[in-house]
Amino acid sequence: MAGITGRLTSSVVTKLQSHTDGVNIRLGAMESADSTLSAVGIRNISTLNTSVDISEKAGHAHYPALLVYCDKLTNSLEEKFRHFSGKAHMVVEVRNSQDKLDGLEAGTQLYVDALCAMLDDSRGNWGGGALYCGGYTVNYEPVAKGGKNFLQKAKVGFDVEVSK
C-alpha cells in the first residue's frame, strides 16, 4: 500500500508547488484582489506527518509550512476483482507562526483559503487510478506556544478515490 500513499502524497505536493496555480500563486492573486490581505508565501511544503516539537528539534520547522500525508487508507473492494478499490484520506496540515498574536489567525485562514481554492480547482482524474471528487474538511487548532513564539495549525482533510 505504500506505493498508493506515496504516489498520492507526491501528487498533492506537485499541485501545491505548481508555478501556474499552486498555493503561493493563489496567495498572490488573493492579495492582488484585496489590498487589506497580506501574507508571507509558504516557505516549506513537505511530506511529513510529524509533531511540532519533533520538527522544530530536527530543524525542519520553516514557517509558514504545509505538511502533506495520508492518515487513512481503506480498501473497501468497491470494485470486485481489483487489487485495491477504496479511499485514501489525505491531510494537508497548515502551520503558521509569528512572534505576535495579532493577525496570526487571519494569516492561517488565508493559507487555508488558498489551499481550499486549489482543491476546488483540482477535482477530477489525478491519473494512476486516483480520482478526487471534491469536498474537504478544515479543522483549526487553538494557538499554542511554538515556532517563532506563537503557532497555529489547521488540518485540511479530503478523500481521494483509488482503483488499482
Protein backbone atom coordinates (compact mmCIF):
# COMPACT_ATOMS: atom_id res chain seq x y z
CA MET A 1 0.00 0.00 0.00
CA ALA A 2 2.96 2.35 0.38
CA GLY A 3 3.02 2.82 -3.37
CA ILE A 4 -0.51 4.23 -3.34
CA THR A 5 0.02 6.64 -0.45
CA GLY A 6 3.42 7.76 -1.72
CA ARG A 7 2.08 8.45 -5.18
CA LEU A 8 -0.90 10.39 -3.85
CA THR A 9 1.26 12.41 -1.47
CA SER A 10 3.63 13.31 -4.32
CA SER A 11 0.68 14.29 -6.49
CA VAL A 12 -0.67 16.65 -3.83
CA VAL A 13 2.77 18.22 -3.27
CA THR A 14 3.17 18.77 -7.02
CA LYS A 15 -0.20 20.54 -7.14
CA LEU A 16 0.71 22.70 -4.13
CA GLN A 17 4.06 23.71 -5.64
CA SER A 18 2.75 24.42 -9.15
CA HIS A 19 4.10 27.62 -10.68
CA THR A 20 0.83 28.22 -12.53
CA ASP A 21 -1.86 27.53 -9.93
CA GLY A 22 -0.18 26.39 -6.72
CA VAL A 23 -0.78 27.80 -3.25
CA ASN A 24 1.71 30.67 -3.45
CA ILE A 25 0.29 31.78 -6.82
CA ARG A 26 -3.19 31.75 -5.30
CA LEU A 27 -1.99 33.75 -2.28
CA GLY A 28 -0.62 36.39 -4.62
CA ALA A 29 -3.89 36.53 -6.54
CA MET A 30 -5.88 36.88 -3.33
CA GLU A 31 -3.62 39.72 -2.15
CA SER A 32 -3.93 41.46 -5.54
CA ALA A 33 -7.73 41.24 -5.38
CA ASP A 34 -7.93 42.58 -1.81
CA SER A 35 -5.29 45.08 -0.68
CA THR A 36 -6.16 44.52 3.00
CA LEU A 37 -4.79 40.97 2.84
CA SER A 38 -1.13 40.33 3.49
CA ALA A 39 0.70 37.06 3.97
CA VAL A 40 4.17 35.69 3.50
CA GLY A 41 4.33 32.92 0.91
CA ILE A 42 4.55 29.30 2.02
CA ARG A 43 8.21 28.60 2.83
CA ASN A 44 8.10 24.84 3.22
CA ILE A 45 5.99 22.12 1.61
CA SER A 46 6.99 18.65 2.76
CA THR A 47 5.72 15.10 3.03
CA LEU A 48 5.88 14.67 6.78
CA ASN A 49 3.48 13.58 9.48
CA THR A 50 5.37 14.84 12.50
CA SER A 51 4.63 16.80 15.64
CA VAL A 52 5.70 20.41 16.01
CA ASP A 53 8.20 19.52 18.75
CA ILE A 54 9.99 16.92 16.66
CA SER A 55 10.13 19.03 13.51
CA GLU A 56 11.50 22.02 15.44
CA LYS A 57 14.14 19.90 17.19
CA ALA A 58 15.15 18.31 13.88
CA GLY A 59 15.46 21.72 12.20
CA HIS A 60 12.62 21.14 9.71
CA ALA A 61 10.45 23.99 11.01
CA HIS A 62 10.27 26.82 8.49
CA TYR A 63 7.01 28.73 8.78
CA PRO A 64 4.55 29.08 7.18
CA ALA A 65 4.59 25.42 6.20
CA LEU A 66 2.39 22.77 4.61
CA LEU A 67 2.80 19.14 5.65
CA VAL A 68 1.20 16.54 3.37
CA TYR A 69 0.44 12.97 4.40
CA CYS A 70 -2.08 10.16 4.13
CA ASP A 71 -3.57 9.35 7.53
CA LYS A 72 -6.03 6.65 6.49
CA LEU A 73 -6.25 4.12 3.67
CA THR A 74 -9.36 2.00 3.18
CA ASN A 75 -9.50 -0.93 0.76
CA SER A 76 -13.26 -1.48 0.73
CA LEU A 77 -13.17 -3.53 -2.50
CA GLU A 78 -15.88 -1.37 -4.06
CA GLU A 79 -14.88 -2.75 -7.45
CA LYS A 80 -14.67 -6.50 -7.30
CA PHE A 81 -11.61 -8.22 -8.79
CA ARG A 82 -9.43 -5.12 -8.30
CA HIS A 83 -6.29 -5.30 -6.19
CA PHE A 84 -7.23 -2.07 -4.43
CA SER A 85 -10.51 -0.19 -4.62
CA GLY A 86 -11.27 2.29 -1.91
CA LYS A 87 -10.34 5.66 -0.47
CA ALA A 88 -7.26 7.41 0.78
CA HIS A 89 -7.80 10.17 3.31
CA MET A 90 -5.20 12.84 2.64
CA VAL A 91 -4.28 15.66 5.02
CA VAL A 92 -2.56 18.95 4.33
CA GLU A 93 -1.56 20.49 7.63
CA VAL A 94 -1.08 24.26 7.60
CA ARG A 95 1.36 25.59 10.21
CA ASN A 96 1.70 29.30 10.74
CA SER A 97 3.88 31.03 13.31
CA GLN A 98 4.77 34.57 14.27
CA ASP A 99 6.01 36.49 17.26
CA LYS A 100 2.71 38.31 17.98
CA LEU A 101 -0.85 37.06 18.31
CA ASP A 102 -2.25 39.89 16.20
CA GLY A 103 -3.01 38.63 12.72
CA LEU A 104 -1.91 35.03 13.33
CA GLU A 105 -5.36 33.52 12.88
CA ALA A 106 -6.13 35.74 9.88
CA GLY A 107 -2.91 34.58 8.23
CA THR A 108 -3.69 30.94 8.90
CA GLN A 109 -7.16 31.40 7.44
CA LEU A 110 -5.69 32.99 4.32
CA TYR A 111 -3.38 29.99 3.78
CA VAL A 112 -6.32 27.61 4.26
CA ASP A 113 -8.44 29.62 1.80
CA ALA A 114 -5.71 29.41 -0.84
CA LEU A 115 -5.35 25.66 -0.25
CA CYS A 116 -9.12 25.09 -0.47
CA ALA A 117 -9.32 27.12 -3.69
CA MET A 118 -6.61 24.90 -5.17
CA LEU A 119 -8.53 21.78 -4.12
CA ASP A 120 -11.75 23.17 -5.62
CA ASP A 121 -9.98 23.51 -8.97
CA SER A 122 -8.31 20.09 -8.73
CA ARG A 123 -11.42 17.94 -8.99
CA GLY A 124 -11.20 15.10 -11.45
CA ASN A 125 -8.84 12.37 -12.54
CA TRP A 126 -5.39 12.61 -10.97
CA GLY A 127 -4.04 9.71 -13.01
CA GLY A 128 -2.91 6.27 -11.94
CA GLY A 129 -6.40 5.29 -10.81
CA ALA A 130 -6.83 8.26 -8.44
CA LEU A 131 -9.96 10.41 -8.60
CA TYR A 132 -10.67 13.47 -6.46
CA CYS A 133 -14.41 14.18 -6.43
CA GLY A 134 -14.18 17.31 -4.31
CA GLY A 135 -15.07 18.09 -0.74
CA TYR A 136 -12.84 18.61 2.28
CA THR A 137 -12.96 19.35 5.98
CA VAL A 138 -10.98 22.03 7.80
CA ASN A 139 -10.10 21.76 11.49
CA TYR A 140 -8.46 24.76 13.15
CA GLU A 141 -6.47 24.18 16.31
CA PRO A 142 -6.04 26.83 19.01
CA VAL A 143 -2.90 28.91 19.09
CA ALA A 144 -0.13 27.30 21.12
CA LYS A 145 3.42 28.08 22.12
CA GLY A 146 5.93 27.15 19.44
CA GLY A 147 7.66 28.31 16.32
CA LYS A 148 8.61 31.99 16.45
CA ASN A 149 6.65 32.35 19.70
CA PHE A 150 3.06 31.53 18.76
CA LEU A 151 1.94 28.73 16.44
CA GLN A 152 -1.40 27.84 14.90
CA LYS A 153 -2.25 24.71 12.93
CA ALA A 154 -5.13 23.88 10.64
CA LYS A 155 -5.74 20.49 9.05
CA VAL A 156 -7.44 20.21 5.68
CA GLY A 157 -8.60 16.64 5.06
CA PHE A 158 -10.03 15.19 1.87
CA ASP A 159 -10.72 11.79 0.32
CA VAL A 160 -9.26 10.53 -2.94
CA GLU A 161 -10.88 7.50 -4.52
CA VAL A 162 -8.38 4.91 -5.73
CA SER A 163 -8.90 1.99 -8.08
CA LYS A 164 -5.93 -0.15 -8.95
